[in-house]
Amino acid sequence: GYVELNRSGIDNSAGDGFTILLGLASIS
């Protein structure tokens, strides 16, 4: 799929913070 992550945050995850497999993403 496709995901945009804008003006957001990820804090204190046990695994990975942000994982993308077989897709498109924009992080700003």
mmCIF file of all heavy atoms, coordinates in Angstrom:
data_MODEL
# 
_entry.id   MODEL 
# 
loop_
_atom_site.group_PDB 
_atom_site.id 
_atom_site.type_symbol 
_atom_site.label_atom_id 
_atom_site.label_alt_id 
_atom_site.label_comp_id 
_atom_site.label_asym_id 
_atom_site.label_entity_id 
_atom_site.label_seq_id 
_atom_site.pdbx_PDB_ins_code 
_atom_site.Cartn_x 
_atom_site.Cartn_y 
_atom_site.Cartn_z 
_atom_site.occupancy 
_atom_site.B_iso_or_equiv 
_atom_site.pdbx_formal_charge 
_atom_site.auth_seq_id 
_atom_site.auth_comp_id 
_atom_site.auth_asym_id 
_atom_site.auth_atom_id 
_atom_site.pdbx_PDB_model_num 
ATOM 1   N N   . GLY A 1 1  ? 0.804  -1.211 0.000  1.00 0.00 ? 1  GLY A N   1 
ATOM 2   C CA  . GLY A 1 1  ? 0.000  0.000  0.000  1.00 0.00 ? 1  GLY A CA  1 
ATOM 3   C C   . GLY A 1 1  ? 0.838  1.262  0.000  1.00 0.00 ? 1  GLY A C   1 
ATOM 4   O O   . GLY A 1 1  ? 2.035  1.252  -0.277 1.00 0.00 ? 1  GLY A O   1 
ATOM 5   N N   . TYR A 1 2  ? 0.189  2.382  0.313  1.00 0.00 ? 2  TYR A N   1 
ATOM 6   C CA  . TYR A 1 2  ? 0.828  3.700  0.346  1.00 0.00 ? 2  TYR A CA  1 
ATOM 7   C C   . TYR A 1 2  ? 0.425  4.412  1.624  1.00 0.00 ? 2  TYR A C   1 
ATOM 8   O O   . TYR A 1 2  ? -0.765 4.490  1.955  1.00 0.00 ? 2  TYR A O   1 
ATOM 9   C CB  . TYR A 1 2  ? 0.400  4.538  -0.865 1.00 0.00 ? 2  TYR A CB  1 
ATOM 10  C CG  . TYR A 1 2  ? 0.910  5.949  -0.785 1.00 0.00 ? 2  TYR A CG  1 
ATOM 11  C CD1 . TYR A 1 2  ? 2.233  6.239  -1.083 1.00 0.00 ? 2  TYR A CD1 1 
ATOM 12  C CD2 . TYR A 1 2  ? 0.078  6.985  -0.388 1.00 0.00 ? 2  TYR A CD2 1 
ATOM 13  C CE1 . TYR A 1 2  ? 2.717  7.535  -0.989 1.00 0.00 ? 2  TYR A CE1 1 
ATOM 14  C CE2 . TYR A 1 2  ? 0.550  8.287  -0.293 1.00 0.00 ? 2  TYR A CE2 1 
ATOM 15  C CZ  . TYR A 1 2  ? 1.871  8.555  -0.598 1.00 0.00 ? 2  TYR A CZ  1 
ATOM 16  O OH  . TYR A 1 2  ? 2.347  9.835  -0.494 1.00 0.00 ? 2  TYR A OH  1 
ATOM 17  N N   . VAL A 1 3  ? 1.422  4.951  2.336  1.00 0.00 ? 3  VAL A N   1 
ATOM 18  C CA  . VAL A 1 3  ? 1.167  5.634  3.606  1.00 0.00 ? 3  VAL A CA  1 
ATOM 19  C C   . VAL A 1 3  ? 1.963  6.920  3.673  1.00 0.00 ? 3  VAL A C   1 
ATOM 20  O O   . VAL A 1 3  ? 3.139  6.955  3.307  1.00 0.00 ? 3  VAL A O   1 
ATOM 21  C CB  . VAL A 1 3  ? 1.534  4.729  4.803  1.00 0.00 ? 3  VAL A CB  1 
ATOM 22  C CG1 . VAL A 1 3  ? 1.390  5.478  6.113  1.00 0.00 ? 3  VAL A CG1 1 
ATOM 23  C CG2 . VAL A 1 3  ? 0.669  3.481  4.811  1.00 0.00 ? 3  VAL A CG2 1 
ATOM 24  N N   . GLU A 1 4  ? 1.324  7.980  4.157  1.00 0.00 ? 4  GLU A N   1 
ATOM 25  C CA  . GLU A 1 4  ? 2.008  9.235  4.478  1.00 0.00 ? 4  GLU A CA  1 
ATOM 26  C C   . GLU A 1 4  ? 1.987  9.403  5.990  1.00 0.00 ? 4  GLU A C   1 
ATOM 27  O O   . GLU A 1 4  ? 0.934  9.263  6.617  1.00 0.00 ? 4  GLU A O   1 
ATOM 28  C CB  . GLU A 1 4  ? 1.302  10.430 3.846  1.00 0.00 ? 4  GLU A CB  1 
ATOM 29  C CG  . GLU A 1 4  ? 1.415  10.502 2.357  1.00 0.00 ? 4  GLU A CG  1 
ATOM 30  C CD  . GLU A 1 4  ? 0.720  11.732 1.792  1.00 0.00 ? 4  GLU A CD  1 
ATOM 31  O OE1 . GLU A 1 4  ? 0.494  12.717 2.537  1.00 0.00 ? 4  GLU A OE1 1 
ATOM 32  O OE2 . GLU A 1 4  ? 0.396  11.698 0.596  1.00 0.00 ? 4  GLU A OE2 1 
ATOM 33  N N   . LEU A 1 5  ? 3.146  9.709  6.571  1.00 0.00 ? 5  LEU A N   1 
ATOM 34  C CA  . LEU A 1 5  ? 3.264  9.985  8.004  1.00 0.00 ? 5  LEU A CA  1 
ATOM 35  C C   . LEU A 1 5  ? 3.757  11.420 8.128  1.00 0.00 ? 5  LEU A C   1 
ATOM 36  O O   . LEU A 1 5  ? 4.903  11.718 7.811  1.00 0.00 ? 5  LEU A O   1 
ATOM 37  C CB  . LEU A 1 5  ? 4.249  9.010  8.649  1.00 0.00 ? 5  LEU A CB  1 
ATOM 38  C CG  . LEU A 1 5  ? 4.457  9.127  10.155 1.00 0.00 ? 5  LEU A CG  1 
ATOM 39  C CD1 . LEU A 1 5  ? 3.182  8.739  10.900 1.00 0.00 ? 5  LEU A CD1 1 
ATOM 40  C CD2 . LEU A 1 5  ? 5.621  8.257  10.598 1.00 0.00 ? 5  LEU A CD2 1 
ATOM 41  N N   . ASN A 1 6  ? 2.867  12.328 8.536  1.00 0.00 ? 6  ASN A N   1 
ATOM 42  C CA  . ASN A 1 6  ? 3.176  13.757 8.592  1.00 0.00 ? 6  ASN A CA  1 
ATOM 43  C C   . ASN A 1 6  ? 3.011  14.293 10.010 1.00 0.00 ? 6  ASN A C   1 
ATOM 44  O O   . ASN A 1 6  ? 2.004  14.026 10.658 1.00 0.00 ? 6  ASN A O   1 
ATOM 45  C CB  . ASN A 1 6  ? 2.234  14.539 7.670  1.00 0.00 ? 6  ASN A CB  1 
ATOM 46  C CG  . ASN A 1 6  ? 2.272  14.045 6.243  1.00 0.00 ? 6  ASN A CG  1 
ATOM 47  O OD1 . ASN A 1 6  ? 3.340  13.805 5.695  1.00 0.00 ? 6  ASN A OD1 1 
ATOM 48  N ND2 . ASN A 1 6  ? 1.117  13.873 5.647  1.00 0.00 ? 6  ASN A ND2 1 
ATOM 49  N N   . ARG A 1 7  ? 3.998  15.056 10.460 1.00 0.00 ? 7  ARG A N   1 
ATOM 50  C CA  . ARG A 1 7  ? 3.943  15.714 11.768 1.00 0.00 ? 7  ARG A CA  1 
ATOM 51  C C   . ARG A 1 7  ? 3.460  14.754 12.855 1.00 0.00 ? 7  ARG A C   1 
ATOM 52  O O   . ARG A 1 7  ? 2.550  15.058 13.621 1.00 0.00 ? 7  ARG A O   1 
ATOM 53  C CB  . ARG A 1 7  ? 3.066  16.959 11.710 1.00 0.00 ? 7  ARG A CB  1 
ATOM 54  C CG  . ARG A 1 7  ? 3.646  18.065 10.850 1.00 0.00 ? 7  ARG A CG  1 
ATOM 55  C CD  . ARG A 1 7  ? 2.765  19.274 10.716 1.00 0.00 ? 7  ARG A CD  1 
ATOM 56  N NE  . ARG A 1 7  ? 1.473  19.016 10.119 1.00 0.00 ? 7  ARG A NE  1 
ATOM 57  C CZ  . ARG A 1 7  ? 1.253  18.841 8.818  1.00 0.00 ? 7  ARG A CZ  1 
ATOM 58  N NH1 . ARG A 1 7  ? 2.253  18.872 7.983  1.00 0.00 ? 7  ARG A NH1 1 
ATOM 59  N NH2 . ARG A 1 7  ? 0.038  18.636 8.362  1.00 0.00 ? 7  ARG A NH2 1 
ATOM 60  N N   . SER A 1 8  ? 4.075  13.587 12.915 1.00 0.00 ? 8  SER A N   1 
ATOM 61  C CA  . SER A 1 8  ? 3.669  12.544 13.848 1.00 0.00 ? 8  SER A CA  1 
ATOM 62  C C   . SER A 1 8  ? 4.880  11.989 14.570 1.00 0.00 ? 8  SER A C   1 
ATOM 63  O O   . SER A 1 8  ? 6.019  12.329 14.246 1.00 0.00 ? 8  SER A O   1 
ATOM 64  C CB  . SER A 1 8  ? 2.945  11.434 13.089 1.00 0.00 ? 8  SER A CB  1 
ATOM 65  O OG  . SER A 1 8  ? 1.751  11.927 12.508 1.00 0.00 ? 8  SER A OG  1 
ATOM 66  N N   . GLY A 1 9  ? 4.659  11.109 15.533 1.00 0.00 ? 9  GLY A N   1 
ATOM 67  C CA  . GLY A 1 9  ? 5.775  10.553 16.278 1.00 0.00 ? 9  GLY A CA  1 
ATOM 68  C C   . GLY A 1 9  ? 5.524  9.142  16.755 1.00 0.00 ? 9  GLY A C   1 
ATOM 69  O O   . GLY A 1 9  ? 4.389  8.741  17.000 1.00 0.00 ? 9  GLY A O   1 
ATOM 70  N N   . ILE A 1 10 ? 6.621  8.399  16.851 1.00 0.00 ? 10 ILE A N   1 
ATOM 71  C CA  . ILE A 1 10 ? 6.599  7.046  17.396 1.00 0.00 ? 10 ILE A CA  1 
ATOM 72  C C   . ILE A 1 10 ? 7.653  7.007  18.481 1.00 0.00 ? 10 ILE A C   1 
ATOM 73  O O   . ILE A 1 10 ? 8.818  7.345  18.239 1.00 0.00 ? 10 ILE A O   1 
ATOM 74  C CB  . ILE A 1 10 ? 6.907  6.008  16.300 1.00 0.00 ? 10 ILE A CB  1 
ATOM 75  C CG1 . ILE A 1 10 ? 5.854  6.088  15.181 1.00 0.00 ? 10 ILE A CG1 1 
ATOM 76  C CG2 . ILE A 1 10 ? 6.976  4.608  16.895 1.00 0.00 ? 10 ILE A CG2 1 
ATOM 77  C CD1 . ILE A 1 10 ? 6.216  5.316  13.931 1.00 0.00 ? 10 ILE A CD1 1 
ATOM 78  N N   . ASP A 1 11 ? 7.260  6.619  19.688 1.00 0.00 ? 11 ASP A N   1 
ATOM 79  C CA  . ASP A 1 11 ? 8.185  6.602  20.810 1.00 0.00 ? 11 ASP A CA  1 
ATOM 80  C C   . ASP A 1 11 ? 7.997  5.333  21.632 1.00 0.00 ? 11 ASP A C   1 
ATOM 81  O O   . ASP A 1 11 ? 6.872  4.979  21.990 1.00 0.00 ? 11 ASP A O   1 
ATOM 82  C CB  . ASP A 1 11 ? 7.951  7.827  21.696 1.00 0.00 ? 11 ASP A CB  1 
ATOM 83  C CG  . ASP A 1 11 ? 9.005  7.964  22.770 1.00 0.00 ? 11 ASP A CG  1 
ATOM 84  O OD1 . ASP A 1 11 ? 10.181 7.685  22.497 1.00 0.00 ? 11 ASP A OD1 1 
ATOM 85  O OD2 . ASP A 1 11 ? 8.639  8.351  23.893 1.00 0.00 ? 11 ASP A OD2 1 
ATOM 86  N N   . ASN A 1 12 ? 9.097  4.670  21.899 1.00 0.00 ? 12 ASN A N   1 
ATOM 87  C CA  . ASN A 1 12 ? 9.113  3.517  22.790 1.00 0.00 ? 12 ASN A CA  1 
ATOM 88  C C   . ASN A 1 12 ? 8.296  2.336  22.267 1.00 0.00 ? 12 ASN A C   1 
ATOM 89  O O   . ASN A 1 12 ? 7.318  1.918  22.867 1.00 0.00 ? 12 ASN A O   1 
ATOM 90  C CB  . ASN A 1 12 ? 8.639  3.914  24.190 1.00 0.00 ? 12 ASN A CB  1 
ATOM 91  C CG  . ASN A 1 12 ? 9.067  2.911  25.227 1.00 0.00 ? 12 ASN A CG  1 
ATOM 92  O OD1 . ASN A 1 12 ? 10.076 2.231  25.064 1.00 0.00 ? 12 ASN A OD1 1 
ATOM 93  N ND2 . ASN A 1 12 ? 8.298  2.810  26.292 1.00 0.00 ? 12 ASN A ND2 1 
ATOM 94  N N   . SER A 1 13 ? 8.751  1.811  21.128 1.00 0.00 ? 13 SER A N   1 
ATOM 95  C CA  . SER A 1 13 ? 8.142  0.584  20.604 1.00 0.00 ? 13 SER A CA  1 
ATOM 96  C C   . SER A 1 13 ? 9.068  -0.584 20.916 1.00 0.00 ? 13 SER A C   1 
ATOM 97  O O   . SER A 1 13 ? 10.290 -0.460 20.833 1.00 0.00 ? 13 SER A O   1 
ATOM 98  C CB  . SER A 1 13 ? 7.902  0.679  19.100 1.00 0.00 ? 13 SER A CB  1 
ATOM 99  O OG  . SER A 1 13 ? 9.123  0.823  18.409 1.00 0.00 ? 13 SER A OG  1 
ATOM 100 N N   . ALA A 1 14 ? 8.497  -1.717 21.273 1.00 0.00 ? 14 ALA A N   1 
ATOM 101 C CA  . ALA A 1 14 ? 9.309  -2.893 21.611 1.00 0.00 ? 14 ALA A CA  1 
ATOM 102 C C   . ALA A 1 14 ? 10.036 -3.435 20.388 1.00 0.00 ? 14 ALA A C   1 
ATOM 103 O O   . ALA A 1 14 ? 11.167 -3.902 20.482 1.00 0.00 ? 14 ALA A O   1 
ATOM 104 C CB  . ALA A 1 14 ? 8.429  -3.976 22.219 1.00 0.00 ? 14 ALA A CB  1 
ATOM 105 N N   . GLY A 1 15 ? 9.403  -3.375 19.233 1.00 0.00 ? 15 GLY A N   1 
ATOM 106 C CA  . GLY A 1 15 ? 10.015 -3.834 17.990 1.00 0.00 ? 15 GLY A CA  1 
ATOM 107 C C   . GLY A 1 15 ? 10.594 -2.655 17.235 1.00 0.00 ? 15 GLY A C   1 
ATOM 108 O O   . GLY A 1 15 ? 11.232 -1.774 17.807 1.00 0.00 ? 15 GLY A O   1 
ATOM 109 N N   . ASP A 1 16 ? 10.359 -2.613 15.916 1.00 0.00 ? 16 ASP A N   1 
ATOM 110 C CA  . ASP A 1 16 ? 10.807 -1.500 15.080 1.00 0.00 ? 16 ASP A CA  1 
ATOM 111 C C   . ASP A 1 16 ? 9.878  -0.306 15.262 1.00 0.00 ? 16 ASP A C   1 
ATOM 112 O O   . ASP A 1 16 ? 8.697  -0.469 15.566 1.00 0.00 ? 16 ASP A O   1 
ATOM 113 C CB  . ASP A 1 16 ? 10.796 -1.914 13.601 1.00 0.00 ? 16 ASP A CB  1 
ATOM 114 C CG  . ASP A 1 16 ? 11.716 -3.089 13.324 1.00 0.00 ? 16 ASP A CG  1 
ATOM 115 O OD1 . ASP A 1 16 ? 12.804 -3.145 13.927 1.00 0.00 ? 16 ASP A OD1 1 
ATOM 116 O OD2 . ASP A 1 16 ? 11.346 -3.943 12.496 1.00 0.00 ? 16 ASP A OD2 1 
ATOM 117 N N   . GLY A 1 17 ? 10.413 0.871  15.040 1.00 0.00 ? 17 GLY A N   1 
ATOM 118 C CA  . GLY A 1 17 ? 9.563  2.059  15.106 1.00 0.00 ? 17 GLY A CA  1 
ATOM 119 C C   . GLY A 1 17 ? 8.598  2.112  13.933 1.00 0.00 ? 17 GLY A C   1 
ATOM 120 O O   . GLY A 1 17 ? 7.404  2.247  14.093 1.00 0.00 ? 17 GLY A O   1 
ATOM 121 N N   . PHE A 1 18 ? 9.147  1.968  12.720 1.00 0.00 ? 18 PHE A N   1 
ATOM 122 C CA  . PHE A 1 18 ? 8.371  2.091  11.486 1.00 0.00 ? 18 PHE A CA  1 
ATOM 123 C C   . PHE A 1 18 ? 8.871  1.016  10.539 1.00 0.00 ? 18 PHE A C   1 
ATOM 124 O O   . PHE A 1 18 ? 10.050 0.994  10.198 1.00 0.00 ? 18 PHE A O   1 
ATOM 125 C CB  . PHE A 1 18 ? 8.630  3.484  10.905 1.00 0.00 ? 18 PHE A CB  1 
ATOM 126 C CG  . PHE A 1 18 ? 7.941  3.778  9.602  1.00 0.00 ? 18 PHE A CG  1 
ATOM 127 C CD1 . PHE A 1 18 ? 6.803  4.549  9.577  1.00 0.00 ? 18 PHE A CD1 1 
ATOM 128 C CD2 . PHE A 1 18 ? 8.452  3.315  8.394  1.00 0.00 ? 18 PHE A CD2 1 
ATOM 129 C CE1 . PHE A 1 18 ? 6.179  4.857  8.376  1.00 0.00 ? 18 PHE A CE1 1 
ATOM 130 C CE2 . PHE A 1 18 ? 7.832  3.610  7.196  1.00 0.00 ? 18 PHE A CE2 1 
ATOM 131 C CZ  . PHE A 1 18 ? 6.685  4.390  7.187  1.00 0.00 ? 18 PHE A CZ  1 
ATOM 132 N N   . THR A 1 19 ? 8.004  0.097  10.123 1.00 0.00 ? 19 THR A N   1 
ATOM 133 C CA  . THR A 1 19 ? 8.377  -0.978 9.205  1.00 0.00 ? 19 THR A CA  1 
ATOM 134 C C   . THR A 1 19 ? 7.480  -0.931 7.986  1.00 0.00 ? 19 THR A C   1 
ATOM 135 O O   . THR A 1 19 ? 6.254  -0.867 8.126  1.00 0.00 ? 19 THR A O   1 
ATOM 136 C CB  . THR A 1 19 ? 8.206  -2.364 9.866  1.00 0.00 ? 19 THR A CB  1 
ATOM 137 O OG1 . THR A 1 19 ? 9.044  -2.440 11.004 1.00 0.00 ? 19 THR A OG1 1 
ATOM 138 C CG2 . THR A 1 19 ? 8.581  -3.477 8.912  1.00 0.00 ? 19 THR A CG2 1 
ATOM 139 N N   . ILE A 1 20 ? 8.095  -0.954 6.791  1.00 0.00 ? 20 ILE A N   1 
ATOM 140 C CA  . ILE A 1 20 ? 7.301  -1.033 5.564  1.00 0.00 ? 20 ILE A CA  1 
ATOM 141 C C   . ILE A 1 20 ? 7.872  -2.118 4.676  1.00 0.00 ? 20 ILE A C   1 
ATOM 142 O O   . ILE A 1 20 ? 9.067  -2.154 4.393  1.00 0.00 ? 20 ILE A O   1 
ATOM 143 C CB  . ILE A 1 20 ? 7.212  0.319  4.820  1.00 0.00 ? 20 ILE A CB  1 
ATOM 144 C CG1 . ILE A 1 20 ? 6.372  0.155  3.542  1.00 0.00 ? 20 ILE A CG1 1 
ATOM 145 C CG2 . ILE A 1 20 ? 8.579  0.892  4.552  1.00 0.00 ? 20 ILE A CG2 1 
ATOM 146 C CD1 . ILE A 1 20 ? 5.956  1.448  2.896  1.00 0.00 ? 20 ILE A CD1 1 
ATOM 147 N N   . LEU A 1 21 ? 6.995  -3.043 4.263  1.00 0.00 ? 21 LEU A N   1 
ATOM 148 C CA  . LEU A 1 21 ? 7.346  -4.130 3.361  1.00 0.00 ? 21 LEU A CA  1 
ATOM 149 C C   . LEU A 1 21 ? 6.458  -4.032 2.123  1.00 0.00 ? 21 LEU A C   1 
ATOM 150 O O   . LEU A 1 21 ? 5.235  -3.984 2.241  1.00 0.00 ? 21 LEU A O   1 
ATOM 151 C CB  . LEU A 1 21 ? 7.136  -5.483 4.027  1.00 0.00 ? 21 LEU A CB  1 
ATOM 152 C CG  . LEU A 1 21 ? 7.839  -5.702 5.369  1.00 0.00 ? 21 LEU A CG  1 
ATOM 153 C CD1 . LEU A 1 21 ? 7.375  -6.998 6.005  1.00 0.00 ? 21 LEU A CD1 1 
ATOM 154 C CD2 . LEU A 1 21 ? 9.336  -5.696 5.181  1.00 0.00 ? 21 LEU A CD2 1 
ATOM 155 N N   . LEU A 1 22 ? 7.073  -3.988 0.946  1.00 0.00 ? 22 LEU A N   1 
ATOM 156 C CA  . LEU A 1 22 ? 6.338  -4.023 -0.321 1.00 0.00 ? 22 LEU A CA  1 
ATOM 157 C C   . LEU A 1 22 ? 5.332  -2.892 -0.468 1.00 0.00 ? 22 LEU A C   1 
ATOM 158 O O   . LEU A 1 22 ? 4.172  -3.110 -0.790 1.00 0.00 ? 22 LEU A O   1 
ATOM 159 C CB  . LEU A 1 22 ? 5.635  -5.372 -0.498 1.00 0.00 ? 22 LEU A CB  1 
ATOM 160 C CG  . LEU A 1 22 ? 6.516  -6.599 -0.356 1.00 0.00 ? 22 LEU A CG  1 
ATOM 161 C CD1 . LEU A 1 22 ? 5.668  -7.865 -0.367 1.00 0.00 ? 22 LEU A CD1 1 
ATOM 162 C CD2 . LEU A 1 22 ? 7.583  -6.639 -1.436 1.00 0.00 ? 22 LEU A CD2 1 
ATOM 163 N N   . GLY A 1 23 ? 5.757  -1.664 -0.250 1.00 0.00 ? 23 GLY A N   1 
ATOM 164 C CA  . GLY A 1 23 ? 4.843  -0.541 -0.404 1.00 0.00 ? 23 GLY A CA  1 
ATOM 165 C C   . GLY A 1 23 ? 5.577  0.758  -0.667 1.00 0.00 ? 23 GLY A C   1 
ATOM 166 O O   . GLY A 1 23 ? 6.775  0.777  -0.942 1.00 0.00 ? 23 GLY A O   1 
ATOM 167 N N   . LEU A 1 24 ? 4.848  1.846  -0.566 1.00 0.00 ? 24 LEU A N   1 
ATOM 168 C CA  . LEU A 1 24 ? 5.382  3.194  -0.722 1.00 0.00 ? 24 LEU A CA  1 
ATOM 169 C C   . LEU A 1 24 ? 5.025  3.995  0.521  1.00 0.00 ? 24 LEU A C   1 
ATOM 170 O O   . LEU A 1 24 ? 3.928  3.853  1.055  1.00 0.00 ? 24 LEU A O   1 
ATOM 171 C CB  . LEU A 1 24 ? 4.766  3.890  -1.937 1.00 0.00 ? 24 LEU A CB  1 
ATOM 172 C CG  . LEU A 1 24 ? 5.009  3.256  -3.304 1.00 0.00 ? 24 LEU A CG  1 
ATOM 173 C CD1 . LEU A 1 24 ? 4.124  3.922  -4.341 1.00 0.00 ? 24 LEU A CD1 1 
ATOM 174 C CD2 . LEU A 1 24 ? 6.469  3.397  -3.684 1.00 0.00 ? 24 LEU A CD2 1 
ATOM 175 N N   . ALA A 1 25 ? 5.934  4.848  0.956  1.00 0.00 ? 25 ALA A N   1 
ATOM 176 C CA  . ALA A 1 25 ? 5.649  5.686  2.121  1.00 0.00 ? 25 ALA A CA  1 
ATOM 177 C C   . ALA A 1 25 ? 6.343  7.027  1.994  1.00 0.00 ? 25 ALA A C   1 
ATOM 178 O O   . ALA A 1 25 ? 7.387  7.140  1.350  1.00 0.00 ? 25 ALA A O   1 
ATOM 179 C CB  . ALA A 1 25 ? 6.094  4.992  3.403  1.00 0.00 ? 25 ALA A CB  1 
ATOM 180 N N   . SER A 1 26 ? 5.759  8.016  2.620  1.00 0.00 ? 26 SER A N   1 
ATOM 181 C CA  . SER A 1 26 ? 6.341  9.342  2.723  1.00 0.00 ? 26 SER A CA  1 
ATOM 182 C C   . SER A 1 26 ? 6.341  9.713  4.205  1.00 0.00 ? 26 SER A C   1 
ATOM 183 O O   . SER A 1 26 ? 5.307  9.625  4.865  1.00 0.00 ? 26 SER A O   1 
ATOM 184 C CB  . SER A 1 26 ? 5.496  10.345 1.932  1.00 0.00 ? 26 SER A CB  1 
ATOM 185 O OG  . SER A 1 26 ? 5.924  11.665 2.197  1.00 0.00 ? 26 SER A OG  1 
ATOM 186 N N   . ILE A 1 27 ? 7.497  10.106 4.716  1.00 0.00 ? 27 ILE A N   1 
ATOM 187 C CA  . ILE A 1 27 ? 7.613  10.512 6.117  1.00 0.00 ? 27 ILE A CA  1 
ATOM 188 C C   . ILE A 1 27 ? 8.115  11.953 6.131  1.00 0.00 ? 27 ILE A C   1 
ATOM 189 O O   . ILE A 1 27 ? 9.179  12.239 5.570  1.00 0.00 ? 27 ILE A O   1 
ATOM 190 C CB  . ILE A 1 27 ? 8.606  9.630  6.888  1.00 0.00 ? 27 ILE A CB  1 
ATOM 191 C CG1 . ILE A 1 27 ? 8.246  8.150  6.769  1.00 0.00 ? 27 ILE A CG1 1 
ATOM 192 C CG2 . ILE A 1 27 ? 8.673  10.048 8.349  1.00 0.00 ? 27 ILE A CG2 1 
ATOM 193 C CD1 . ILE A 1 27 ? 9.308  7.219  7.336  1.00 0.00 ? 27 ILE A CD1 1 
ATOM 194 N N   . SER A 1 28 ? 7.359  12.862 6.766  1.00 0.00 ? 28 SER A N   1 
ATOM 195 C CA  . SER A 1 28 ? 7.812  14.239 6.852  1.00 0.00 ? 28 SER A CA  1 
ATOM 196 C C   . SER A 1 28 ? 7.515  14.821 8.233  1.00 0.00 ? 28 SER A C   1 
ATOM 197 O O   . SER A 1 28 ? 6.494  14.513 8.839  1.00 0.00 ? 28 SER A O   1 
ATOM 198 C CB  . SER A 1 28 ? 7.157  15.098 5.770  1.00 0.00 ? 28 SER A CB  1 
ATOM 199 O OG  . SER A 1 28 ? 5.780  15.220 5.995  1.00 0.00 ? 28 SER A OG  1 
# 
